[in-house]
Full PDB file with SEQRES, HELIX, SHEET, SSBOND, CRYST1, ORIGX, SCALE, CONECT and MASTER records, all heavy atoms in Angstrom:
SEQRES   1 A   41  GLY LEU THR GLU TYR GLU THR ARG ALA TYR LEU ILE LEU          
SEQRES   2 A   41  LEU GLU GLN GLY VAL MET THR ALA SER GLU VAL SER GLU          
SEQRES   3 A   41  ASN GLY GLY ILE PRO TYR SER LYS VAL TYR GLU THR LEU          
SEQRES   4 A   41  ASN SER                                                      
HELIX    1 AA1 GLU A    4  GLN A   16  1                                  13    
HELIX    2 AA2 ALA A   21  GLY A   28  1                                   8    
HELIX    3 AA3 TYR A   32  ASN A   40  1                                   9    
CRYST1    1.000    1.000    1.000  90.00  90.00  90.00 P 1           1          
ORIGX1      1.000000  0.000000  0.000000        0.00000                         
ORIGX2      0.000000  1.000000  0.000000        0.00000                         
ORIGX3      0.000000  0.000000  1.000000        0.00000                         
SCALE1      1.000000  0.000000  0.000000        0.00000                         
SCALE2      0.000000  1.000000  0.000000        0.00000                         
SCALE3      0.000000  0.000000  1.000000        0.00000                         
ATOM      1  N   GLY A   1      33.720 -46.511  12.366  1.00  0.00           N  
ATOM      2  CA  GLY A   1      33.795 -45.190  12.930  1.00  0.00           C  
ATOM      3  C   GLY A   1      32.528 -44.700  13.597  1.00  0.00           C  
ATOM      4  O   GLY A   1      32.534 -43.535  13.962  1.00  0.00           O  
ATOM      5  N   LEU A   2      31.509 -45.539  13.744  1.00  0.00           N  
ATOM      6  CA  LEU A   2      30.335 -45.058  14.401  1.00  0.00           C  
ATOM      7  C   LEU A   2      30.451 -45.209  15.902  1.00  0.00           C  
ATOM      8  O   LEU A   2      30.959 -46.223  16.369  1.00  0.00           O  
ATOM      9  CB  LEU A   2      29.076 -45.753  13.918  1.00  0.00           C  
ATOM     10  CG  LEU A   2      28.690 -45.573  12.485  1.00  0.00           C  
ATOM     11  CD1 LEU A   2      27.309 -46.208  12.153  1.00  0.00           C  
ATOM     12  CD2 LEU A   2      28.697 -44.131  12.000  1.00  0.00           C  
ATOM     13  N   THR A   3      29.947 -44.220  16.639  1.00  0.00           N  
ATOM     14  CA  THR A   3      29.919 -44.351  18.084  1.00  0.00           C  
ATOM     15  C   THR A   3      28.718 -45.255  18.507  1.00  0.00           C  
ATOM     16  O   THR A   3      27.895 -45.618  17.628  1.00  0.00           O  
ATOM     17  CB  THR A   3      29.702 -42.983  18.768  1.00  0.00           C  
ATOM     18  OG1 THR A   3      28.411 -42.465  18.422  1.00  0.00           O  
ATOM     19  CG2 THR A   3      30.785 -41.937  18.296  1.00  0.00           C  
ATOM     20  N   GLU A   4      28.635 -45.561  19.743  1.00  0.00           N  
ATOM     21  CA  GLU A   4      27.518 -46.406  20.269  1.00  0.00           C  
ATOM     22  C   GLU A   4      26.198 -45.716  19.926  1.00  0.00           C  
ATOM     23  O   GLU A   4      25.305 -46.358  19.480  1.00  0.00           O  
ATOM     24  CB  GLU A   4      27.705 -46.629  21.759  1.00  0.00           C  
ATOM     25  CG  GLU A   4      26.509 -47.376  22.377  1.00  0.00           C  
ATOM     26  CD  GLU A   4      26.425 -48.871  21.854  1.00  0.00           C  
ATOM     27  OE1 GLU A   4      27.459 -49.404  21.475  1.00  0.00           O  
ATOM     28  OE2 GLU A   4      25.329 -49.410  21.855  1.00  0.00           O  
ATOM     29  N   TYR A   5      26.046 -44.428  20.257  1.00  0.00           N  
ATOM     30  CA  TYR A   5      24.796 -43.732  19.959  1.00  0.00           C  
ATOM     31  C   TYR A   5      24.481 -43.665  18.483  1.00  0.00           C  
ATOM     32  O   TYR A   5      23.397 -43.760  18.047  1.00  0.00           O  
ATOM     33  CB  TYR A   5      24.774 -42.330  20.600  1.00  0.00           C  
ATOM     34  CG  TYR A   5      24.689 -42.328  22.099  1.00  0.00           C  
ATOM     35  CD1 TYR A   5      25.148 -41.191  22.806  1.00  0.00           C  
ATOM     36  CD2 TYR A   5      24.052 -43.367  22.801  1.00  0.00           C  
ATOM     37  CE1 TYR A   5      25.075 -41.173  24.219  1.00  0.00           C  
ATOM     38  CE2 TYR A   5      23.992 -43.314  24.186  1.00  0.00           C  
ATOM     39  CZ  TYR A   5      24.459 -42.226  24.874  1.00  0.00           C  
ATOM     40  OH  TYR A   5      24.375 -42.197  26.253  1.00  0.00           O  
ATOM     41  N   GLU A   6      25.531 -43.430  17.673  1.00  0.00           N  
ATOM     42  CA  GLU A   6      25.340 -43.320  16.196  1.00  0.00           C  
ATOM     43  C   GLU A   6      24.893 -44.667  15.693  1.00  0.00           C  
ATOM     44  O   GLU A   6      23.981 -44.764  14.846  1.00  0.00           O  
ATOM     45  CB  GLU A   6      26.634 -42.915  15.516  1.00  0.00           C  
ATOM     46  CG  GLU A   6      27.000 -41.492  15.735  1.00  0.00           C  
ATOM     47  CD  GLU A   6      28.399 -41.107  15.264  1.00  0.00           C  
ATOM     48  OE1 GLU A   6      29.269 -42.038  15.073  1.00  0.00           O  
ATOM     49  OE2 GLU A   6      28.643 -39.949  15.058  1.00  0.00           O  
ATOM     50  N   THR A   7      25.463 -45.749  16.247  1.00  0.00           N  
ATOM     51  CA  THR A   7      25.070 -47.117  15.841  1.00  0.00           C  
ATOM     52  C   THR A   7      23.585 -47.382  16.204  1.00  0.00           C  
ATOM     53  O   THR A   7      22.847 -47.844  15.368  1.00  0.00           O  
ATOM     54  CB  THR A   7      25.954 -48.213  16.472  1.00  0.00           C  
ATOM     55  OG1 THR A   7      27.300 -47.971  16.052  1.00  0.00           O  
ATOM     56  CG2 THR A   7      25.528 -49.595  16.156  1.00  0.00           C  
ATOM     57  N   ARG A   8      23.248 -47.013  17.384  1.00  0.00           N  
ATOM     58  CA  ARG A   8      21.833 -47.185  17.780  1.00  0.00           C  
ATOM     59  C   ARG A   8      20.914 -46.391  16.888  1.00  0.00           C  
ATOM     60  O   ARG A   8      19.859 -46.895  16.466  1.00  0.00           O  
ATOM     61  CB  ARG A   8      21.651 -46.744  19.227  1.00  0.00           C  
ATOM     62  CG  ARG A   8      22.260 -47.601  20.276  1.00  0.00           C  
ATOM     63  CD  ARG A   8      21.959 -47.079  21.624  1.00  0.00           C  
ATOM     64  NE  ARG A   8      22.715 -47.738  22.686  1.00  0.00           N  
ATOM     65  CZ  ARG A   8      22.570 -47.538  23.963  1.00  0.00           C  
ATOM     66  NH1 ARG A   8      21.633 -46.688  24.351  1.00  0.00           N  
ATOM     67  NH2 ARG A   8      23.266 -48.195  24.852  1.00  0.00           N  
ATOM     68  N   ALA A   9      21.204 -45.177  16.655  1.00  0.00           N  
ATOM     69  CA  ALA A   9      20.377 -44.246  15.804  1.00  0.00           C  
ATOM     70  C   ALA A   9      20.262 -44.834  14.440  1.00  0.00           C  
ATOM     71  O   ALA A   9      19.145 -44.922  13.860  1.00  0.00           O  
ATOM     72  CB  ALA A   9      20.874 -42.848  15.832  1.00  0.00           C  
ATOM     73  N   TYR A  10      21.369 -45.214  13.843  1.00  0.00           N  
ATOM     74  CA  TYR A  10      21.392 -45.736  12.474  1.00  0.00           C  
ATOM     75  C   TYR A  10      20.511 -47.002  12.379  1.00  0.00           C  
ATOM     76  O   TYR A  10      19.711 -47.127  11.473  1.00  0.00           O  
ATOM     77  CB  TYR A  10      22.844 -46.013  12.016  1.00  0.00           C  
ATOM     78  CG  TYR A  10      22.916 -46.461  10.610  1.00  0.00           C  
ATOM     79  CD1 TYR A  10      22.613 -45.670   9.583  1.00  0.00           C  
ATOM     80  CD2 TYR A  10      23.293 -47.764  10.321  1.00  0.00           C  
ATOM     81  CE1 TYR A  10      22.703 -46.079   8.238  1.00  0.00           C  
ATOM     82  CE2 TYR A  10      23.373 -48.235   9.025  1.00  0.00           C  
ATOM     83  CZ  TYR A  10      23.121 -47.351   7.995  1.00  0.00           C  
ATOM     84  OH  TYR A  10      23.208 -47.795   6.724  1.00  0.00           O  
ATOM     85  N   LEU A  11      20.696 -47.908  13.295  1.00  0.00           N  
ATOM     86  CA  LEU A  11      19.951 -49.146  13.191  1.00  0.00           C  
ATOM     87  C   LEU A  11      18.488 -48.972  13.415  1.00  0.00           C  
ATOM     88  O   LEU A  11      17.625 -49.602  12.749  1.00  0.00           O  
ATOM     89  CB  LEU A  11      20.518 -50.158  14.281  1.00  0.00           C  
ATOM     90  CG  LEU A  11      21.959 -50.703  13.965  1.00  0.00           C  
ATOM     91  CD1 LEU A  11      22.437 -51.540  15.088  1.00  0.00           C  
ATOM     92  CD2 LEU A  11      21.981 -51.445  12.631  1.00  0.00           C  
ATOM     93  N   ILE A  12      18.080 -48.087  14.331  1.00  0.00           N  
ATOM     94  CA  ILE A  12      16.682 -47.839  14.544  1.00  0.00           C  
ATOM     95  C   ILE A  12      16.047 -47.164  13.339  1.00  0.00           C  
ATOM     96  O   ILE A  12      14.884 -47.456  12.945  1.00  0.00           O  
ATOM     97  CB  ILE A  12      16.403 -47.052  15.868  1.00  0.00           C  
ATOM     98  CG1 ILE A  12      14.941 -47.295  16.332  1.00  0.00           C  
ATOM     99  CG2 ILE A  12      16.624 -45.606  15.732  1.00  0.00           C  
ATOM    100  CD1 ILE A  12      14.616 -48.653  16.710  1.00  0.00           C  
ATOM    101  N   LEU A  13      16.787 -46.273  12.669  1.00  0.00           N  
ATOM    102  CA  LEU A  13      16.309 -45.664  11.403  1.00  0.00           C  
ATOM    103  C   LEU A  13      16.177 -46.700  10.335  1.00  0.00           C  
ATOM    104  O   LEU A  13      15.201 -46.645   9.549  1.00  0.00           O  
ATOM    105  CB  LEU A  13      17.181 -44.492  11.034  1.00  0.00           C  
ATOM    106  CG  LEU A  13      17.053 -43.252  11.942  1.00  0.00           C  
ATOM    107  CD1 LEU A  13      18.197 -42.294  11.643  1.00  0.00           C  
ATOM    108  CD2 LEU A  13      15.712 -42.608  11.676  1.00  0.00           C  
ATOM    109  N   LEU A  14      17.097 -47.626  10.244  1.00  0.00           N  
ATOM    110  CA  LEU A  14      17.059 -48.686   9.232  1.00  0.00           C  
ATOM    111  C   LEU A  14      15.743 -49.532   9.453  1.00  0.00           C  
ATOM    112  O   LEU A  14      15.081 -49.914   8.529  1.00  0.00           O  
ATOM    113  CB  LEU A  14      18.260 -49.597   9.220  1.00  0.00           C  
ATOM    114  CG  LEU A  14      19.513 -49.093   8.557  1.00  0.00           C  
ATOM    115  CD1 LEU A  14      20.641 -50.091   8.774  1.00  0.00           C  
ATOM    116  CD2 LEU A  14      19.278 -48.805   7.139  1.00  0.00           C  
ATOM    117  N   GLU A  15      15.518 -49.830  10.726  1.00  0.00           N  
ATOM    118  CA  GLU A  15      14.420 -50.720  11.060  1.00  0.00           C  
ATOM    119  C   GLU A  15      13.035 -49.970  10.921  1.00  0.00           C  
ATOM    120  O   GLU A  15      12.082 -50.544  10.352  1.00  0.00           O  
ATOM    121  CB  GLU A  15      14.552 -51.188  12.530  1.00  0.00           C  
ATOM    122  CG  GLU A  15      13.422 -52.102  12.978  1.00  0.00           C  
ATOM    123  CD  GLU A  15      13.555 -52.491  14.390  1.00  0.00           C  
ATOM    124  OE1 GLU A  15      14.505 -53.212  14.688  1.00  0.00           O  
ATOM    125  OE2 GLU A  15      12.712 -52.032  15.226  1.00  0.00           O  
ATOM    126  N   GLN A  16      12.975 -48.767  11.382  1.00  0.00           N  
ATOM    127  CA  GLN A  16      11.708 -48.037  11.519  1.00  0.00           C  
ATOM    128  C   GLN A  16      11.443 -47.069  10.330  1.00  0.00           C  
ATOM    129  O   GLN A  16      10.285 -46.701  10.108  1.00  0.00           O  
ATOM    130  CB  GLN A  16      11.633 -47.281  12.828  1.00  0.00           C  
ATOM    131  CG  GLN A  16      11.857 -48.089  14.014  1.00  0.00           C  
ATOM    132  CD  GLN A  16      10.572 -48.836  14.490  1.00  0.00           C  
ATOM    133  OE1 GLN A  16       9.489 -48.347  14.240  1.00  0.00           O  
ATOM    134  NE2 GLN A  16      10.773 -50.010  15.115  1.00  0.00           N  
ATOM    135  N   GLY A  17      12.445 -46.638   9.634  1.00  0.00           N  
ATOM    136  CA  GLY A  17      12.246 -45.645   8.592  1.00  0.00           C  
ATOM    137  C   GLY A  17      12.312 -44.238   9.110  1.00  0.00           C  
ATOM    138  O   GLY A  17      12.918 -43.950  10.162  1.00  0.00           O  
ATOM    139  N   VAL A  18      11.654 -43.305   8.419  1.00  0.00           N  
ATOM    140  CA  VAL A  18      11.724 -41.893   8.780  1.00  0.00           C  
ATOM    141  C   VAL A  18      11.153 -41.693  10.206  1.00  0.00           C  
ATOM    142  O   VAL A  18      10.095 -42.196  10.540  1.00  0.00           O  
ATOM    143  CB  VAL A  18      10.914 -41.059   7.766  1.00  0.00           C  
ATOM    144  CG1 VAL A  18      10.816 -39.634   8.191  1.00  0.00           C  
ATOM    145  CG2 VAL A  18      11.543 -41.206   6.408  1.00  0.00           C  
ATOM    146  N   MET A  19      11.859 -40.940  11.007  1.00  0.00           N  
ATOM    147  CA  MET A  19      11.470 -40.658  12.379  1.00  0.00           C  
ATOM    148  C   MET A  19      11.924 -39.253  12.731  1.00  0.00           C  
ATOM    149  O   MET A  19      12.835 -38.689  12.190  1.00  0.00           O  
ATOM    150  CB  MET A  19      12.150 -41.646  13.353  1.00  0.00           C  
ATOM    151  CG  MET A  19      11.922 -43.067  13.109  1.00  0.00           C  
ATOM    152  SD  MET A  19      12.884 -44.167  14.157  1.00  0.00           S  
ATOM    153  CE  MET A  19      11.797 -44.205  15.586  1.00  0.00           C  
ATOM    154  N   THR A  20      11.262 -38.729  13.758  1.00  0.00           N  
ATOM    155  CA  THR A  20      11.670 -37.454  14.320  1.00  0.00           C  
ATOM    156  C   THR A  20      12.849 -37.727  15.276  1.00  0.00           C  
ATOM    157  O   THR A  20      13.069 -38.896  15.692  1.00  0.00           O  
ATOM    158  CB  THR A  20      10.550 -36.776  15.161  1.00  0.00           C  
ATOM    159  OG1 THR A  20      10.224 -37.563  16.261  1.00  0.00           O  
ATOM    160  CG2 THR A  20       9.339 -36.539  14.287  1.00  0.00           C  
ATOM    161  N   ALA A  21      13.583 -36.722  15.694  1.00  0.00           N  
ATOM    162  CA  ALA A  21      14.626 -36.859  16.610  1.00  0.00           C  
ATOM    163  C   ALA A  21      14.164 -37.400  17.953  1.00  0.00           C  
ATOM    164  O   ALA A  21      14.821 -38.287  18.520  1.00  0.00           O  
ATOM    165  CB  ALA A  21      15.374 -35.531  16.830  1.00  0.00           C  
ATOM    166  N   SER A  22      13.029 -36.959  18.352  1.00  0.00           N  
ATOM    167  CA  SER A  22      12.429 -37.439  19.585  1.00  0.00           C  
ATOM    168  C   SER A  22      12.116 -38.981  19.515  1.00  0.00           C  
ATOM    169  O   SER A  22      12.382 -39.702  20.448  1.00  0.00           O  
ATOM    170  CB  SER A  22      11.107 -36.654  19.835  1.00  0.00           C  
ATOM    171  OG  SER A  22      10.526 -37.111  21.071  1.00  0.00           O  
ATOM    172  N   GLU A  23      11.648 -39.405  18.381  1.00  0.00           N  
ATOM    173  CA  GLU A  23      11.343 -40.796  18.204  1.00  0.00           C  
ATOM    174  C   GLU A  23      12.646 -41.621  18.175  1.00  0.00           C  
ATOM    175  O   GLU A  23      12.686 -42.762  18.733  1.00  0.00           O  
ATOM    176  CB  GLU A  23      10.528 -41.012  16.900  1.00  0.00           C  
ATOM    177  CG  GLU A  23       9.154 -40.475  17.025  1.00  0.00           C  
ATOM    178  CD  GLU A  23       8.418 -40.467  15.669  1.00  0.00           C  
ATOM    179  OE1 GLU A  23       9.114 -40.359  14.627  1.00  0.00           O  
ATOM    180  OE2 GLU A  23       7.166 -40.565  15.656  1.00  0.00           O  
ATOM    181  N   VAL A  24      13.660 -41.092  17.525  1.00  0.00           N  
ATOM    182  CA  VAL A  24      14.960 -41.806  17.531  1.00  0.00           C  
ATOM    183  C   VAL A  24      15.445 -41.925  18.957  1.00  0.00           C  
ATOM    184  O   VAL A  24      15.937 -42.969  19.363  1.00  0.00           O  
ATOM    185  CB  VAL A  24      15.991 -41.066  16.634  1.00  0.00           C  
ATOM    186  CG1 VAL A  24      17.355 -41.653  16.787  1.00  0.00           C  
ATOM    187  CG2 VAL A  24      15.554 -41.047  15.177  1.00  0.00           C  
ATOM    188  N   SER A  25      15.342 -40.857  19.725  1.00  0.00           N  
ATOM    189  CA  SER A  25      15.765 -40.885  21.097  1.00  0.00           C  
ATOM    190  C   SER A  25      15.058 -41.939  21.912  1.00  0.00           C  
ATOM    191  O   SER A  25      15.668 -42.754  22.592  1.00  0.00           O  
ATOM    192  CB  SER A  25      15.595 -39.493  21.751  1.00  0.00           C  
ATOM    193  OG  SER A  25      15.808 -39.568  23.078  1.00  0.00           O  
ATOM    194  N   GLU A  26      13.749 -41.927  21.776  1.00  0.00           N  
ATOM    195  CA  GLU A  26      12.942 -42.856  22.580  1.00  0.00           C  
ATOM    196  C   GLU A  26      13.102 -44.299  22.105  1.00  0.00           C  
ATOM    197  O   GLU A  26      13.284 -45.211  22.965  1.00  0.00           O  
ATOM    198  CB  GLU A  26      11.430 -42.483  22.386  1.00  0.00           C  
ATOM    199  CG  GLU A  26      10.470 -43.290  23.216  1.00  0.00           C  
ATOM    200  CD  GLU A  26       9.068 -42.809  23.081  1.00  0.00           C  
ATOM    201  OE1 GLU A  26       8.894 -41.576  23.077  1.00  0.00           O  
ATOM    202  OE2 GLU A  26       8.146 -43.634  22.941  1.00  0.00           O  
ATOM    203  N   ASN A  27      13.033 -44.551  20.818  1.00  0.00           N  
ATOM    204  CA  ASN A  27      13.132 -45.941  20.328  1.00  0.00           C  
ATOM    205  C   ASN A  27      14.622 -46.480  20.312  1.00  0.00           C  
ATOM    206  O   ASN A  27      14.774 -47.696  20.286  1.00  0.00           O  
ATOM    207  CB  ASN A  27      12.490 -46.011  18.938  1.00  0.00           C  
ATOM    208  CG  ASN A  27      11.022 -45.727  18.944  1.00  0.00           C  
ATOM    209  OD1 ASN A  27      10.310 -46.416  19.695  1.00  0.00           O  
ATOM    210  ND2 ASN A  27      10.610 -44.823  18.145  1.00  0.00           N  
ATOM    211  N   GLY A  28      15.553 -45.562  20.213  1.00  0.00           N  
ATOM    212  CA  GLY A  28      16.952 -46.039  20.147  1.00  0.00           C  
ATOM    213  C   GLY A  28      17.674 -46.053  21.465  1.00  0.00           C  
ATOM    214  O   GLY A  28      18.847 -46.419  21.514  1.00  0.00           O  
ATOM    215  N   GLY A  29      16.998 -45.627  22.467  1.00  0.00           N  
ATOM    216  CA  GLY A  29      17.664 -45.581  23.830  1.00  0.00           C  
ATOM    217  C   GLY A  29      18.754 -44.567  23.874  1.00  0.00           C  
ATOM    218  O   GLY A  29      19.782 -44.791  24.568  1.00  0.00           O  
ATOM    219  N   ILE A  30      18.577 -43.432  23.191  1.00  0.00           N  
ATOM    220  CA  ILE A  30      19.573 -42.398  23.177  1.00  0.00           C  
ATOM    221  C   ILE A  30      19.058 -41.206  24.005  1.00  0.00           C  
ATOM    222  O   ILE A  30      17.907 -40.779  23.770  1.00  0.00           O  
ATOM    223  CB  ILE A  30      19.851 -41.931  21.700  1.00  0.00           C  
ATOM    224  CG1 ILE A  30      20.340 -43.098  20.898  1.00  0.00           C  
ATOM    225  CG2 ILE A  30      20.850 -40.801  21.695  1.00  0.00           C  
ATOM    226  CD1 ILE A  30      20.291 -42.840  19.410  1.00  0.00           C  
ATOM    227  N   PRO A  31      19.867 -40.731  24.962  1.00  0.00           N  
ATOM    228  CA  PRO A  31      19.360 -39.590  25.785  1.00  0.00           C  
ATOM    229  C   PRO A  31      18.954 -38.457  24.855  1.00  0.00           C  
ATOM    230  O   PRO A  31      19.681 -38.146  23.895  1.00  0.00           O  
ATOM    231  CB  PRO A  31      20.557 -39.227  26.618  1.00  0.00           C  
ATOM    232  CG  PRO A  31      21.373 -40.440  26.654  1.00  0.00           C  
ATOM    233  CD  PRO A  31      21.224 -41.130  25.372  1.00  0.00           C  
ATOM    234  N   TYR A  32      17.817 -37.791  25.184  1.00  0.00           N  
ATOM    235  CA  TYR A  32      17.368 -36.681  24.345  1.00  0.00           C  
ATOM    236  C   TYR A  32      18.374 -35.606  24.222  1.00  0.00           C  
ATOM    237  O   TYR A  32      18.536 -34.992  23.211  1.00  0.00           O  
ATOM    238  CB  TYR A  32      16.078 -36.143  24.917  1.00  0.00           C  
ATOM    239  CG  TYR A  32      15.400 -35.153  23.918  1.00  0.00           C  
ATOM    240  CD1 TYR A  32      14.732 -35.633  22.821  1.00  0.00           C  
ATOM    241  CD2 TYR A  32      15.443 -33.826  24.214  1.00  0.00           C  
ATOM    242  CE1 TYR A  32      14.126 -34.727  21.922  1.00  0.00           C  
ATOM    243  CE2 TYR A  32      14.856 -32.922  23.333  1.00  0.00           C  
ATOM    244  CZ  TYR A  32      14.191 -33.361  22.198  1.00  0.00           C  
ATOM    245  OH  TYR A  32      13.615 -32.538  21.286  1.00  0.00           O  
ATOM    246  N   SER A  33      19.158 -35.431  25.272  1.00  0.00           N  
ATOM    247  CA  SER A  33      20.213 -34.376  25.296  1.00  0.00           C  
ATOM    248  C   SER A  33      21.366 -34.679  24.292  1.00  0.00           C  
ATOM    249  O   SER A  33      22.121 -33.797  23.920  1.00  0.00           O  
ATOM    250  CB  SER A  33      20.800 -34.208  26.650  1.00  0.00           C  
ATOM    251  OG  SER A  33      21.482 -35.421  27.071  1.00  0.00           O  
ATOM    252  N   LYS A  34      21.383 -35.908  23.760  1.00  0.00           N  
ATOM    253  CA  LYS A  34      22.450 -36.332  22.839  1.00  0.00           C  
ATOM    254  C   LYS A  34      21.965 -36.647  21.422  1.00  0.00           C  
ATOM    255  O   LYS A  34      22.769 -36.853  20.530  1.00  0.00           O  
ATOM    256  CB  LYS A  34      23.171 -37.570  23.404  1.00  0.00           C  
ATOM    257  CG  LYS A  34      23.930 -37.375  24.674  1.00  0.00           C  
ATOM    258  CD  LYS A  34      25.133 -36.527  24.431  1.00  0.00           C  
ATOM    259  CE  LYS A  34      26.008 -36.419  25.686  1.00  0.00           C  
ATOM    260  NZ  LYS A  34      27.042 -35.468  25.505  1.00  0.00           N  
ATOM    261  N   VAL A  35      20.642 -36.684  21.232  1.00  0.00           N  
ATOM    262  CA  VAL A  35      20.089 -37.191  19.990  1.00  0.00           C  
ATOM    263  C   VAL A  35      20.436 -36.250  18.834  1.00  0.00           C  
ATOM    264  O   VAL A  35      20.780 -36.726  17.692  1.00  0.00           O  
ATOM    265  CB  VAL A  35      18.626 -37.538  20.074  1.00  0.00           C  
ATOM    266  CG1 VAL A  35      17.741 -36.303  20.100  1.00  0.00           C  
ATOM    267  CG2 VAL A  35      18.214 -38.463  18.925  1.00  0.00           C  
ATOM    268  N   TYR A  36      20.269 -34.931  19.005  1.00  0.00           N  
ATOM    269  CA  TYR A  36      20.594 -34.056  17.885  1.00  0.00           C  
ATOM    270  C   TYR A  36      22.090 -34.035  17.514  1.00  0.00           C  
ATOM    271  O   TYR A  36      22.438 -34.030  16.318  1.00  0.00           O  
ATOM    272  CB  TYR A  36      20.127 -32.590  18.221  1.00  0.00           C  
ATOM    273  CG  TYR A  36      18.678 -32.439  18.145  1.00  0.00           C  
ATOM    274  CD1 TYR A  36      17.854 -32.504  19.309  1.00  0.00           C  
ATOM    275  CD2 TYR A  36      18.070 -32.275  16.922  1.00  0.00           C  
ATOM    276  CE1 TYR A  36      16.490 -32.395  19.215  1.00  0.00           C  
ATOM    277  CE2 TYR A  36      16.623 -32.146  16.819  1.00  0.00           C  
ATOM    278  CZ  TYR A  36      15.857 -32.218  17.987  1.00  0.00           C  
ATOM    279  OH  TYR A  36      14.537 -32.109  17.862  1.00  0.00           O  
ATOM    280  N   GLU A  37      22.925 -34.091  18.476  1.00  0.00           N  
ATOM    281  CA  GLU A  37      24.405 -34.233  18.258  1.00  0.00           C  
ATOM    282  C   GLU A  37      24.687 -35.478  17.500  1.00  0.00           C  
ATOM    283  O   GLU A  37      25.452 -35.482  16.540  1.00  0.00           O  
ATOM    284  CB  GLU A  37      25.109 -34.214  19.574  1.00  0.00           C  
ATOM    285  CG  GLU A  37      26.603 -34.394  19.485  1.00  0.00           C  
ATOM    286  CD  GLU A  37      27.245 -34.466  20.884  1.00  0.00           C  
ATOM    287  OE1 GLU A  37      26.701 -33.858  21.853  1.00  0.00           O  
ATOM    288  OE2 GLU A  37      28.286 -35.152  20.983  1.00  0.00           O  
ATOM    289  N   THR A  38      24.028 -36.595  17.889  1.00  0.00           N  
ATOM    290  CA  THR A  38      24.211 -37.910  17.233  1.00  0.00           C  
ATOM    291  C   THR A  38      23.784 -37.857  15.800  1.00  0.00           C  
ATOM    292  O   THR A  38      24.471 -38.313  14.896  1.00  0.00           O  
ATOM    293  CB  THR A  38      23.503 -38.963  18.034  1.00  0.00           C  
ATOM    294  OG1 THR A  38      24.024 -39.024  19.374  1.00  0.00           O  
ATOM    295  CG2 THR A  38      23.645 -40.366  17.378  1.00  0.00           C  
ATOM    296  N   LEU A  39      22.512 -37.355  15.563  1.00  0.00           N  
ATOM    297  CA  LEU A  39      21.991 -37.306  14.269  1.00  0.00           C  
ATOM    298  C   LEU A  39      22.796 -36.322  13.342  1.00  0.00           C  
ATOM    299  O   LEU A  39      22.998 -36.692  12.133  1.00  0.00           O  
ATOM    300  CB  LEU A  39      20.514 -36.900  14.302  1.00  0.00           C  
ATOM    301  CG  LEU A  39      19.591 -37.963  14.922  1.00  0.00           C  
ATOM    302  CD1 LEU A  39      18.190 -37.401  15.069  1.00  0.00           C  
ATOM    303  CD2 LEU A  39      19.597 -39.265  14.109  1.00  0.00           C  
ATOM    304  N   ASN A  40      23.213 -35.243  13.843  1.00  0.00           N  
ATOM    305  CA  ASN A  40      24.018 -34.288  13.029  1.00  0.00           C  
ATOM    306  C   ASN A  40      25.384 -34.961  12.669  1.00  0.00           C  
ATOM    307  O   ASN A  40      25.846 -34.753  11.534  1.00  0.00           O  
ATOM    308  CB  ASN A  40      24.283 -33.018  13.887  1.00  0.00           C  
ATOM    309  CG  ASN A  40      23.098 -32.105  13.911  1.00  0.00           C  
ATOM    310  OD1 ASN A  40      22.284 -32.147  13.039  1.00  0.00           O  
ATOM    311  ND2 ASN A  40      23.049 -31.286  14.905  1.00  0.00           N  
ATOM    312  N   SER A  41      25.939 -35.715  13.605  1.00  0.00           N  
ATOM    313  CA  SER A  41      27.187 -36.429  13.265  1.00  0.00           C  
ATOM    314  C   SER A  41      26.978 -37.460  12.177  1.00  0.00           C  
ATOM    315  O   SER A  41      27.795 -37.579  11.254  1.00  0.00           O  
ATOM    316  CB  SER A  41      27.710 -37.079  14.549  1.00  0.00           C  
ATOM    317  OG  SER A  41      28.949 -37.747  14.279  1.00  0.00           O  
TER     318      SER A  41                                                      
MASTER        0    0    0    3    0    0    0    6  317    1    0    4          
END                                                                             
């Protein structure tokens, strides 16, 4: 049930550990406009 962006965010957090939303966006290839929605989901 994870979307593409959710999958990217989850995997980058597993790999890198604690990150800010901005870092998740940058390192996970998730548009900044979508990162908060993705992390909230």
